[in-house]
Each structure stands twice: as structure tokens, then as C-alpha cells.
mmCIF file of all heavy atoms, coordinates in Angstrom:
data_MODEL
# 
_entry.id   MODEL 
# 
loop_
_atom_site.group_PDB 
_atom_site.id 
_atom_site.type_symbol 
_atom_site.label_atom_id 
_atom_site.label_alt_id 
_atom_site.label_comp_id 
_atom_site.label_asym_id 
_atom_site.label_entity_id 
_atom_site.label_seq_id 
_atom_site.pdbx_PDB_ins_code 
_atom_site.Cartn_x 
_atom_site.Cartn_y 
_atom_site.Cartn_z 
_atom_site.occupancy 
_atom_site.B_iso_or_equiv 
_atom_site.pdbx_formal_charge 
_atom_site.auth_seq_id 
_atom_site.auth_comp_id 
_atom_site.auth_asym_id 
_atom_site.auth_atom_id 
_atom_site.pdbx_PDB_model_num 
ATOM 1   N N   . LEU A 1 1  ? 6.749   12.837  1.862  1.00 0.00 ? 1  LEU A N   1 
ATOM 2   C CA  . LEU A 1 1  ? 7.048   11.396  1.504  1.00 0.00 ? 1  LEU A CA  1 
ATOM 3   C C   . LEU A 1 1  ? 6.173   10.882  0.500  1.00 0.00 ? 1  LEU A C   1 
ATOM 4   O O   . LEU A 1 1  ? 4.894   11.169  0.531  1.00 0.00 ? 1  LEU A O   1 
ATOM 5   C CB  . LEU A 1 1  ? 7.046   10.533  2.677  1.00 0.00 ? 1  LEU A CB  1 
ATOM 6   C CG  . LEU A 1 1  ? 8.004   10.804  3.923  1.00 0.00 ? 1  LEU A CG  1 
ATOM 7   C CD1 . LEU A 1 1  ? 7.607   10.069  5.156  1.00 0.00 ? 1  LEU A CD1 1 
ATOM 8   C CD2 . LEU A 1 1  ? 9.368   10.476  3.521  1.00 0.00 ? 1  LEU A CD2 1 
ATOM 9   N N   . ASN A 1 2  ? 6.609   10.164  -0.435 1.00 0.00 ? 2  ASN A N   1 
ATOM 10  C CA  . ASN A 1 2  ? 5.763   9.481   -1.501 1.00 0.00 ? 2  ASN A CA  1 
ATOM 11  C C   . ASN A 1 2  ? 5.789   7.969   -1.294 1.00 0.00 ? 2  ASN A C   1 
ATOM 12  O O   . ASN A 1 2  ? 6.875   7.324   -1.146 1.00 0.00 ? 2  ASN A O   1 
ATOM 13  C CB  . ASN A 1 2  ? 6.344   9.728   -2.831 1.00 0.00 ? 2  ASN A CB  1 
ATOM 14  C CG  . ASN A 1 2  ? 6.327   11.126  -3.402 1.00 0.00 ? 2  ASN A CG  1 
ATOM 15  O OD1 . ASN A 1 2  ? 5.255   11.763  -3.162 1.00 0.00 ? 2  ASN A OD1 1 
ATOM 16  N ND2 . ASN A 1 2  ? 7.382   11.802  -3.774 1.00 0.00 ? 2  ASN A ND2 1 
ATOM 17  N N   . ILE A 1 3  ? 4.569   7.378   -1.141 1.00 0.00 ? 3  ILE A N   1 
ATOM 18  C CA  . ILE A 1 3  ? 4.502   5.985   -0.982 1.00 0.00 ? 3  ILE A CA  1 
ATOM 19  C C   . ILE A 1 3  ? 4.606   5.350   -2.377 1.00 0.00 ? 3  ILE A C   1 
ATOM 20  O O   . ILE A 1 3  ? 3.896   5.570   -3.262 1.00 0.00 ? 3  ILE A O   1 
ATOM 21  C CB  . ILE A 1 3  ? 3.059   5.598   -0.382 1.00 0.00 ? 3  ILE A CB  1 
ATOM 22  C CG1 . ILE A 1 3  ? 2.845   6.383   0.971  1.00 0.00 ? 3  ILE A CG1 1 
ATOM 23  C CG2 . ILE A 1 3  ? 2.951   4.190   -0.205 1.00 0.00 ? 3  ILE A CG2 1 
ATOM 24  C CD1 . ILE A 1 3  ? 1.360   6.171   1.470  1.00 0.00 ? 3  ILE A CD1 1 
ATOM 25  N N   . ILE A 1 4  ? 5.721   4.419   -2.424 1.00 0.00 ? 4  ILE A N   1 
ATOM 26  C CA  . ILE A 1 4  ? 5.788   3.726   -3.621 1.00 0.00 ? 4  ILE A CA  1 
ATOM 27  C C   . ILE A 1 4  ? 5.417   2.296   -3.688 1.00 0.00 ? 4  ILE A C   1 
ATOM 28  O O   . ILE A 1 4  ? 5.156   1.687   -4.725 1.00 0.00 ? 4  ILE A O   1 
ATOM 29  C CB  . ILE A 1 4  ? 7.366   3.779   -4.011 1.00 0.00 ? 4  ILE A CB  1 
ATOM 30  C CG1 . ILE A 1 4  ? 8.206   3.128   -2.956 1.00 0.00 ? 4  ILE A CG1 1 
ATOM 31  C CG2 . ILE A 1 4  ? 7.764   5.187   -4.302 1.00 0.00 ? 4  ILE A CG2 1 
ATOM 32  C CD1 . ILE A 1 4  ? 9.714   3.081   -3.242 1.00 0.00 ? 4  ILE A CD1 1 
ATOM 33  N N   . ALA A 1 5  ? 5.079   1.728   -2.456 1.00 0.00 ? 5  ALA A N   1 
ATOM 34  C CA  . ALA A 1 5  ? 4.475   0.456   -2.407 1.00 0.00 ? 5  ALA A CA  1 
ATOM 35  C C   . ALA A 1 5  ? 4.096   0.152   -0.984 1.00 0.00 ? 5  ALA A C   1 
ATOM 36  O O   . ALA A 1 5  ? 4.460   0.807   -0.059 1.00 0.00 ? 5  ALA A O   1 
ATOM 37  C CB  . ALA A 1 5  ? 5.496   -0.643  -2.837 1.00 0.00 ? 5  ALA A CB  1 
ATOM 38  N N   . ILE A 1 6  ? 3.110   -0.763  -0.790 1.00 0.00 ? 6  ILE A N   1 
ATOM 39  C CA  . ILE A 1 6  ? 2.609   -1.278  0.459  1.00 0.00 ? 6  ILE A CA  1 
ATOM 40  C C   . ILE A 1 6  ? 2.661   -2.712  0.482  1.00 0.00 ? 6  ILE A C   1 
ATOM 41  O O   . ILE A 1 6  ? 2.065   -3.380  -0.423 1.00 0.00 ? 6  ILE A O   1 
ATOM 42  C CB  . ILE A 1 6  ? 1.182   -0.716  0.692  1.00 0.00 ? 6  ILE A CB  1 
ATOM 43  C CG1 . ILE A 1 6  ? 1.117   0.817   0.736  1.00 0.00 ? 6  ILE A CG1 1 
ATOM 44  C CG2 . ILE A 1 6  ? 0.619   -1.254  1.942  1.00 0.00 ? 6  ILE A CG2 1 
ATOM 45  C CD1 . ILE A 1 6  ? -0.267  1.372   0.888  1.00 0.00 ? 6  ILE A CD1 1 
ATOM 46  N N   . GLU A 1 7  ? 3.112   -3.319  1.573  1.00 0.00 ? 7  GLU A N   1 
ATOM 47  C CA  . GLU A 1 7  ? 3.242   -4.713  1.699  1.00 0.00 ? 7  GLU A CA  1 
ATOM 48  C C   . GLU A 1 7  ? 2.368   -5.224  2.882  1.00 0.00 ? 7  GLU A C   1 
ATOM 49  O O   . GLU A 1 7  ? 2.441   -4.453  3.935  1.00 0.00 ? 7  GLU A O   1 
ATOM 50  C CB  . GLU A 1 7  ? 4.750   -5.240  1.845  1.00 0.00 ? 7  GLU A CB  1 
ATOM 51  C CG  . GLU A 1 7  ? 4.904   -6.642  2.115  1.00 0.00 ? 7  GLU A CG  1 
ATOM 52  C CD  . GLU A 1 7  ? 6.372   -7.008  2.409  1.00 0.00 ? 7  GLU A CD  1 
ATOM 53  O OE1 . GLU A 1 7  ? 7.238   -6.140  2.194  1.00 0.00 ? 7  GLU A OE1 1 
ATOM 54  O OE2 . GLU A 1 7  ? 6.586   -8.171  2.888  1.00 0.00 ? 7  GLU A OE2 1 
ATOM 55  N N   . ASN A 1 8  ? 1.709   -6.353  2.721  1.00 0.00 ? 8  ASN A N   1 
ATOM 56  C CA  . ASN A 1 8  ? 0.908   -6.771  3.866  1.00 0.00 ? 8  ASN A CA  1 
ATOM 57  C C   . ASN A 1 8  ? 0.868   -8.352  3.738  1.00 0.00 ? 8  ASN A C   1 
ATOM 58  O O   . ASN A 1 8  ? 0.393   -8.833  2.762  1.00 0.00 ? 8  ASN A O   1 
ATOM 59  C CB  . ASN A 1 8  ? -0.475  -6.251  3.969  1.00 0.00 ? 8  ASN A CB  1 
ATOM 60  C CG  . ASN A 1 8  ? -1.204  -6.517  5.290  1.00 0.00 ? 8  ASN A CG  1 
ATOM 61  O OD1 . ASN A 1 8  ? -1.401  -7.670  5.577  1.00 0.00 ? 8  ASN A OD1 1 
ATOM 62  N ND2 . ASN A 1 8  ? -1.510  -5.531  6.040  1.00 0.00 ? 8  ASN A ND2 1 
ATOM 63  N N   . ARG A 1 9  ? 1.487   -9.077  4.722  1.00 0.00 ? 9  ARG A N   1 
ATOM 64  C CA  . ARG A 1 9  ? 1.529   -10.474 4.667  1.00 0.00 ? 9  ARG A CA  1 
ATOM 65  C C   . ARG A 1 9  ? 2.002   -11.071 3.447  1.00 0.00 ? 9  ARG A C   1 
ATOM 66  O O   . ARG A 1 9  ? 1.466   -12.109 2.908  1.00 0.00 ? 9  ARG A O   1 
ATOM 67  C CB  . ARG A 1 9  ? 0.161   -11.062 5.024  1.00 0.00 ? 9  ARG A CB  1 
ATOM 68  C CG  . ARG A 1 9  ? -0.434  -10.656 6.335  1.00 0.00 ? 9  ARG A CG  1 
ATOM 69  C CD  . ARG A 1 9  ? -1.787  -11.199 6.640  1.00 0.00 ? 9  ARG A CD  1 
ATOM 70  N NE  . ARG A 1 9  ? -2.294  -10.849 8.010  1.00 0.00 ? 9  ARG A NE  1 
ATOM 71  C CZ  . ARG A 1 9  ? -3.492  -11.161 8.405  1.00 0.00 ? 9  ARG A CZ  1 
ATOM 72  N NH1 . ARG A 1 9  ? -4.342  -11.995 7.725  1.00 0.00 ? 9  ARG A NH1 1 
ATOM 73  N NH2 . ARG A 1 9  ? -3.856  -10.804 9.684  1.00 0.00 ? 9  ARG A NH2 1 
ATOM 74  N N   . GLY A 1 10 ? 3.122   -10.479 2.945  1.00 0.00 ? 10 GLY A N   1 
ATOM 75  C CA  . GLY A 1 10 ? 3.754   -10.973 1.762  1.00 0.00 ? 10 GLY A CA  1 
ATOM 76  C C   . GLY A 1 10 ? 3.212   -10.523 0.398  1.00 0.00 ? 10 GLY A C   1 
ATOM 77  O O   . GLY A 1 10 ? 3.851   -10.686 -0.608 1.00 0.00 ? 10 GLY A O   1 
ATOM 78  N N   . ASP A 1 11 ? 2.051   -9.864  0.465  1.00 0.00 ? 11 ASP A N   1 
ATOM 79  C CA  . ASP A 1 11 ? 1.466   -9.294  -0.697 1.00 0.00 ? 11 ASP A CA  1 
ATOM 80  C C   . ASP A 1 11 ? 1.884   -7.830  -0.970 1.00 0.00 ? 11 ASP A C   1 
ATOM 81  O O   . ASP A 1 11 ? 1.869   -7.088  -0.006 1.00 0.00 ? 11 ASP A O   1 
ATOM 82  C CB  . ASP A 1 11 ? -0.065  -9.336  -0.773 1.00 0.00 ? 11 ASP A CB  1 
ATOM 83  C CG  . ASP A 1 11 ? -0.605  -10.750 -0.754 1.00 0.00 ? 11 ASP A CG  1 
ATOM 84  O OD1 . ASP A 1 11 ? 0.143   -11.651 -1.421 1.00 0.00 ? 11 ASP A OD1 1 
ATOM 85  O OD2 . ASP A 1 11 ? -1.602  -11.089 -0.130 1.00 0.00 ? 11 ASP A OD2 1 
ATOM 86  N N   . VAL A 1 12 ? 2.390   -7.436  -2.144 1.00 0.00 ? 12 VAL A N   1 
ATOM 87  C CA  . VAL A 1 12 ? 2.942   -6.091  -2.319 1.00 0.00 ? 12 VAL A CA  1 
ATOM 88  C C   . VAL A 1 12 ? 2.060   -5.454  -3.430 1.00 0.00 ? 12 VAL A C   1 
ATOM 89  O O   . VAL A 1 12 ? 1.789   -5.921  -4.497 1.00 0.00 ? 12 VAL A O   1 
ATOM 90  C CB  . VAL A 1 12 ? 4.427   -6.150  -2.782 1.00 0.00 ? 12 VAL A CB  1 
ATOM 91  C CG1 . VAL A 1 12 ? 4.901   -4.820  -3.104 1.00 0.00 ? 12 VAL A CG1 1 
ATOM 92  C CG2 . VAL A 1 12 ? 5.328   -6.860  -1.722 1.00 0.00 ? 12 VAL A CG2 1 
ATOM 93  N N   . MET A 1 13 ? 1.606   -4.230  -3.010 1.00 0.00 ? 13 MET A N   1 
ATOM 94  C CA  . MET A 1 13 ? 0.852   -3.456  -3.963 1.00 0.00 ? 13 MET A CA  1 
ATOM 95  C C   . MET A 1 13 ? 1.587   -2.238  -4.405 1.00 0.00 ? 13 MET A C   1 
ATOM 96  O O   . MET A 1 13 ? 2.090   -1.459  -3.457 1.00 0.00 ? 13 MET A O   1 
ATOM 97  C CB  . MET A 1 13 ? -0.458  -3.076  -3.240 1.00 0.00 ? 13 MET A CB  1 
ATOM 98  C CG  . MET A 1 13 ? -1.315  -2.075  -4.079 1.00 0.00 ? 13 MET A CG  1 
ATOM 99  S SD  . MET A 1 13 ? -2.893  -1.836  -3.165 1.00 0.00 ? 13 MET A SD  1 
ATOM 100 C CE  . MET A 1 13 ? -2.331  -1.184  -1.620 1.00 0.00 ? 13 MET A CE  1 
ATOM 101 N N   . ASP A 1 14 ? 1.936   -2.069  -5.702 1.00 0.00 ? 14 ASP A N   1 
ATOM 102 C CA  . ASP A 1 14 ? 2.755   -0.898  -6.137 1.00 0.00 ? 14 ASP A CA  1 
ATOM 103 C C   . ASP A 1 14 ? 2.008   0.165   -6.813 1.00 0.00 ? 14 ASP A C   1 
ATOM 104 O O   . ASP A 1 14 ? 2.530   1.072   -7.315 1.00 0.00 ? 14 ASP A O   1 
ATOM 105 C CB  . ASP A 1 14 ? 3.899   -1.437  -7.032 1.00 0.00 ? 14 ASP A CB  1 
ATOM 106 C CG  . ASP A 1 14 ? 3.434   -2.149  -8.191 1.00 0.00 ? 14 ASP A CG  1 
ATOM 107 O OD1 . ASP A 1 14 ? 2.204   -2.230  -8.520 1.00 0.00 ? 14 ASP A OD1 1 
ATOM 108 O OD2 . ASP A 1 14 ? 4.284   -2.772  -8.838 1.00 0.00 ? 14 ASP A OD2 1 
ATOM 109 N N   . SER A 1 15 ? 0.618   0.081   -6.921 1.00 0.00 ? 15 SER A N   1 
ATOM 110 C CA  . SER A 1 15 ? -0.159  0.975   -7.397 1.00 0.00 ? 15 SER A CA  1 
ATOM 111 C C   . SER A 1 15 ? -1.160  1.437   -6.362 1.00 0.00 ? 15 SER A C   1 
ATOM 112 O O   . SER A 1 15 ? -2.117  0.763   -6.031 1.00 0.00 ? 15 SER A O   1 
ATOM 113 C CB  . SER A 1 15 ? -0.887  0.501   -8.694 1.00 0.00 ? 15 SER A CB  1 
ATOM 114 O OG  . SER A 1 15 ? -1.812  1.566   -9.201 1.00 0.00 ? 15 SER A OG  1 
ATOM 115 N N   . ILE A 1 16 ? -0.948  2.640   -5.732 1.00 0.00 ? 16 ILE A N   1 
ATOM 116 C CA  . ILE A 1 16 ? -1.587  2.983   -4.456 1.00 0.00 ? 16 ILE A CA  1 
ATOM 117 C C   . ILE A 1 16 ? -2.627  4.018   -4.833 1.00 0.00 ? 16 ILE A C   1 
ATOM 118 O O   . ILE A 1 16 ? -2.381  5.106   -5.294 1.00 0.00 ? 16 ILE A O   1 
ATOM 119 C CB  . ILE A 1 16 ? -0.554  3.685   -3.506 1.00 0.00 ? 16 ILE A CB  1 
ATOM 120 C CG1 . ILE A 1 16 ? 0.685   2.862   -3.364 1.00 0.00 ? 16 ILE A CG1 1 
ATOM 121 C CG2 . ILE A 1 16 ? -1.224  3.858   -2.169 1.00 0.00 ? 16 ILE A CG2 1 
ATOM 122 C CD1 . ILE A 1 16 ? 0.520   1.417   -2.915 1.00 0.00 ? 16 ILE A CD1 1 
ATOM 123 N N   . ARG A 1 17 ? -3.933  3.619   -4.511 1.00 0.00 ? 17 ARG A N   1 
ATOM 124 C CA  . ARG A 1 17 ? -5.023  4.506   -4.738 1.00 0.00 ? 17 ARG A CA  1 
ATOM 125 C C   . ARG A 1 17 ? -5.205  5.431   -3.537 1.00 0.00 ? 17 ARG A C   1 
ATOM 126 O O   . ARG A 1 17 ? -4.982  5.009   -2.421 1.00 0.00 ? 17 ARG A O   1 
ATOM 127 C CB  . ARG A 1 17 ? -6.277  3.615   -4.905 1.00 0.00 ? 17 ARG A CB  1 
ATOM 128 C CG  . ARG A 1 17 ? -6.324  2.820   -6.199 1.00 0.00 ? 17 ARG A CG  1 
ATOM 129 C CD  . ARG A 1 17 ? -7.491  1.899   -6.213 1.00 0.00 ? 17 ARG A CD  1 
ATOM 130 N NE  . ARG A 1 17 ? -8.737  2.598   -6.085 1.00 0.00 ? 17 ARG A NE  1 
ATOM 131 C CZ  . ARG A 1 17 ? -9.458  3.168   -6.969 1.00 0.00 ? 17 ARG A CZ  1 
ATOM 132 N NH1 . ARG A 1 17 ? -9.046  2.974   -8.223 1.00 0.00 ? 17 ARG A NH1 1 
ATOM 133 N NH2 . ARG A 1 17 ? -10.609 3.668   -6.730 1.00 0.00 ? 17 ARG A NH2 1 
ATOM 134 N N   . PRO A 1 18 ? -5.777  6.628   -3.834 1.00 0.00 ? 18 PRO A N   1 
ATOM 135 C CA  . PRO A 1 18 ? -5.997  7.547   -2.654 1.00 0.00 ? 18 PRO A CA  1 
ATOM 136 C C   . PRO A 1 18 ? -7.042  7.133   -1.694 1.00 0.00 ? 18 PRO A C   1 
ATOM 137 O O   . PRO A 1 18 ? -7.033  7.493   -0.563 1.00 0.00 ? 18 PRO A O   1 
ATOM 138 C CB  . PRO A 1 18 ? -6.517  8.828   -3.466 1.00 0.00 ? 18 PRO A CB  1 
ATOM 139 C CG  . PRO A 1 18 ? -6.125  8.694   -4.886 1.00 0.00 ? 18 PRO A CG  1 
ATOM 140 C CD  . PRO A 1 18 ? -6.010  7.192   -5.118 1.00 0.00 ? 18 PRO A CD  1 
ATOM 141 N N   . ASP A 1 19 ? -7.932  6.190   -2.221 1.00 0.00 ? 19 ASP A N   1 
ATOM 142 C CA  . ASP A 1 19 ? -8.980  5.641   -1.182 1.00 0.00 ? 19 ASP A CA  1 
ATOM 143 C C   . ASP A 1 19 ? -8.539  4.355   -0.468 1.00 0.00 ? 19 ASP A C   1 
ATOM 144 O O   . ASP A 1 19 ? -9.338  3.808   0.218  1.00 0.00 ? 19 ASP A O   1 
ATOM 145 C CB  . ASP A 1 19 ? -10.283 5.389   -1.897 1.00 0.00 ? 19 ASP A CB  1 
ATOM 146 C CG  . ASP A 1 19 ? -10.166 4.456   -3.084 1.00 0.00 ? 19 ASP A CG  1 
ATOM 147 O OD1 . ASP A 1 19 ? -9.068  3.920   -3.344 1.00 0.00 ? 19 ASP A OD1 1 
ATOM 148 O OD2 . ASP A 1 19 ? -11.165 4.112   -3.664 1.00 0.00 ? 19 ASP A OD2 1 
ATOM 149 N N   . TYR A 1 20 ? -7.235  3.999   -0.622 1.00 0.00 ? 20 TYR A N   1 
ATOM 150 C CA  . TYR A 1 20 ? -6.813  2.760   0.062  1.00 0.00 ? 20 TYR A CA  1 
ATOM 151 C C   . TYR A 1 20 ? -6.793  3.012   1.592  1.00 0.00 ? 20 TYR A C   1 
ATOM 152 O O   . TYR A 1 20 ? -6.370  4.093   2.121  1.00 0.00 ? 20 TYR A O   1 
ATOM 153 C CB  . TYR A 1 20 ? -5.367  2.415   -0.382 1.00 0.00 ? 20 TYR A CB  1 
ATOM 154 C CG  . TYR A 1 20 ? -4.779  1.369   0.403  1.00 0.00 ? 20 TYR A CG  1 
ATOM 155 C CD1 . TYR A 1 20 ? -5.032  -0.018  0.148  1.00 0.00 ? 20 TYR A CD1 1 
ATOM 156 C CD2 . TYR A 1 20 ? -3.962  1.523   1.543  1.00 0.00 ? 20 TYR A CD2 1 
ATOM 157 C CE1 . TYR A 1 20 ? -4.493  -1.105  0.899  1.00 0.00 ? 20 TYR A CE1 1 
ATOM 158 C CE2 . TYR A 1 20 ? -3.412  0.478   2.356  1.00 0.00 ? 20 TYR A CE2 1 
ATOM 159 C CZ  . TYR A 1 20 ? -3.734  -0.891  1.886  1.00 0.00 ? 20 TYR A CZ  1 
ATOM 160 O OH  . TYR A 1 20 ? -3.266  -1.864  2.726  1.00 0.00 ? 20 TYR A OH  1 
ATOM 161 N N   . ILE A 1 21 ? -7.392  2.091   2.376  1.00 0.00 ? 21 ILE A N   1 
ATOM 162 C CA  . ILE A 1 21 ? -7.437  2.204   3.744  1.00 0.00 ? 21 ILE A CA  1 
ATOM 163 C C   . ILE A 1 21 ? -6.226  1.317   4.483  1.00 0.00 ? 21 ILE A C   1 
ATOM 164 O O   . ILE A 1 21 ? -6.144  0.194   4.109  1.00 0.00 ? 21 ILE A O   1 
ATOM 165 C CB  . ILE A 1 21 ? -8.798  1.605   4.316  1.00 0.00 ? 21 ILE A CB  1 
ATOM 166 C CG1 . ILE A 1 21 ? -9.977  2.399   3.562  1.00 0.00 ? 21 ILE A CG1 1 
ATOM 167 C CG2 . ILE A 1 21 ? -8.886  1.769   5.856  1.00 0.00 ? 21 ILE A CG2 1 
ATOM 168 C CD1 . ILE A 1 21 ? -9.995  3.847   3.908  1.00 0.00 ? 21 ILE A CD1 1 
ATOM 169 N N   . PHE A 1 22 ? -5.495  2.130   5.152  1.00 0.00 ? 22 PHE A N   1 
ATOM 170 C CA  . PHE A 1 22 ? -4.350  1.442   5.867  1.00 0.00 ? 22 PHE A CA  1 
ATOM 171 C C   . PHE A 1 22 ? -4.918  0.328   6.792  1.00 0.00 ? 22 PHE A C   1 
ATOM 172 O O   . PHE A 1 22 ? -5.731  0.604   7.581  1.00 0.00 ? 22 PHE A O   1 
ATOM 173 C CB  . PHE A 1 22 ? -3.488  2.410   6.549  1.00 0.00 ? 22 PHE A CB  1 
ATOM 174 C CG  . PHE A 1 22 ? -2.772  3.354   5.687  1.00 0.00 ? 22 PHE A CG  1 
ATOM 175 C CD1 . PHE A 1 22 ? -3.177  4.800   5.629  1.00 0.00 ? 22 PHE A CD1 1 
ATOM 176 C CD2 . PHE A 1 22 ? -1.832  2.998   4.810  1.00 0.00 ? 22 PHE A CD2 1 
ATOM 177 C CE1 . PHE A 1 22 ? -2.475  5.664   4.793  1.00 0.00 ? 22 PHE A CE1 1 
ATOM 178 C CE2 . PHE A 1 22 ? -1.100  3.817   3.919  1.00 0.00 ? 22 PHE A CE2 1 
ATOM 179 C CZ  . PHE A 1 22 ? -1.474  5.160   3.986  1.00 0.00 ? 22 PHE A CZ  1 
ATOM 180 N N   . ARG A 1 23 ? -4.104  -0.789  6.752  1.00 0.00 ? 23 ARG A N   1 
ATOM 181 C CA  . ARG A 1 23 ? -4.510  -1.893  7.648  1.00 0.00 ? 23 ARG A CA  1 
ATOM 182 C C   . ARG A 1 23 ? -3.368  -2.196  8.688  1.00 0.00 ? 23 ARG A C   1 
ATOM 183 O O   . ARG A 1 23 ? -2.245  -1.887  8.399  1.00 0.00 ? 23 ARG A O   1 
ATOM 184 C CB  . ARG A 1 23 ? -4.736  -3.147  6.803  1.00 0.00 ? 23 ARG A CB  1 
ATOM 185 C CG  . ARG A 1 23 ? -5.859  -3.014  5.731  1.00 0.00 ? 23 ARG A CG  1 
ATOM 186 C CD  . ARG A 1 23 ? -5.950  -4.321  4.939  1.00 0.00 ? 23 ARG A CD  1 
ATOM 187 N NE  . ARG A 1 23 ? -4.776  -4.293  3.997  1.00 0.00 ? 23 ARG A NE  1 
ATOM 188 C CZ  . ARG A 1 23 ? -4.413  -5.478  3.294  1.00 0.00 ? 23 ARG A CZ  1 
ATOM 189 N NH1 . ARG A 1 23 ? -5.126  -6.546  3.406  1.00 0.00 ? 23 ARG A NH1 1 
ATOM 190 N NH2 . ARG A 1 23 ? -3.401  -5.405  2.575  1.00 0.00 ? 23 ARG A NH2 1 
ATOM 191 N N   . ARG A 1 24 ? -3.800  -2.877  9.775  1.00 0.00 ? 24 ARG A N   1 
ATOM 192 C CA  . ARG A 1 24 ? -2.780  -3.261  10.776 1.00 0.00 ? 24 ARG A CA  1 
ATOM 193 C C   . ARG A 1 24 ? -1.883  -4.240  10.034 1.00 0.00 ? 24 ARG A C   1 
ATOM 194 O O   . ARG A 1 24 ? -2.224  -5.149  9.427  1.00 0.00 ? 24 ARG A O   1 
ATOM 195 C CB  . ARG A 1 24 ? -3.367  -3.852  11.925 1.00 0.00 ? 24 ARG A CB  1 
ATOM 196 C CG  . ARG A 1 24 ? -2.515  -4.090  13.056 1.00 0.00 ? 24 ARG A CG  1 
ATOM 197 C CD  . ARG A 1 24 ? -3.310  -4.414  14.360 1.00 0.00 ? 24 ARG A CD  1 
ATOM 198 N NE  . ARG A 1 24 ? -3.634  -3.122  15.011 1.00 0.00 ? 24 ARG A NE  1 
ATOM 199 C CZ  . ARG A 1 24 ? -4.898  -2.730  14.943 1.00 0.00 ? 24 ARG A CZ  1 
ATOM 200 N NH1 . ARG A 1 24 ? -5.840  -3.408  14.306 1.00 0.00 ? 24 ARG A NH1 1 
ATOM 201 N NH2 . ARG A 1 24 ? -5.313  -1.564  15.588 1.00 0.00 ? 24 ARG A NH2 1 
# 
């Protein structure tokens, strides 16, 4: 699977860094 975006509380990040830490 390829992550194309991450959303959290309405904020969307479409450039995903390898060191991004997943949040609840």
C-alpha cells in the first residue's frame, strides 16, 4: 500500500516523510 495523504483533525498532509510519527 502507498500512503498518498494523512488527515488529522481536518488538516491534510500530502507529502509524507519517512520519519513521520503516526498519531492517534
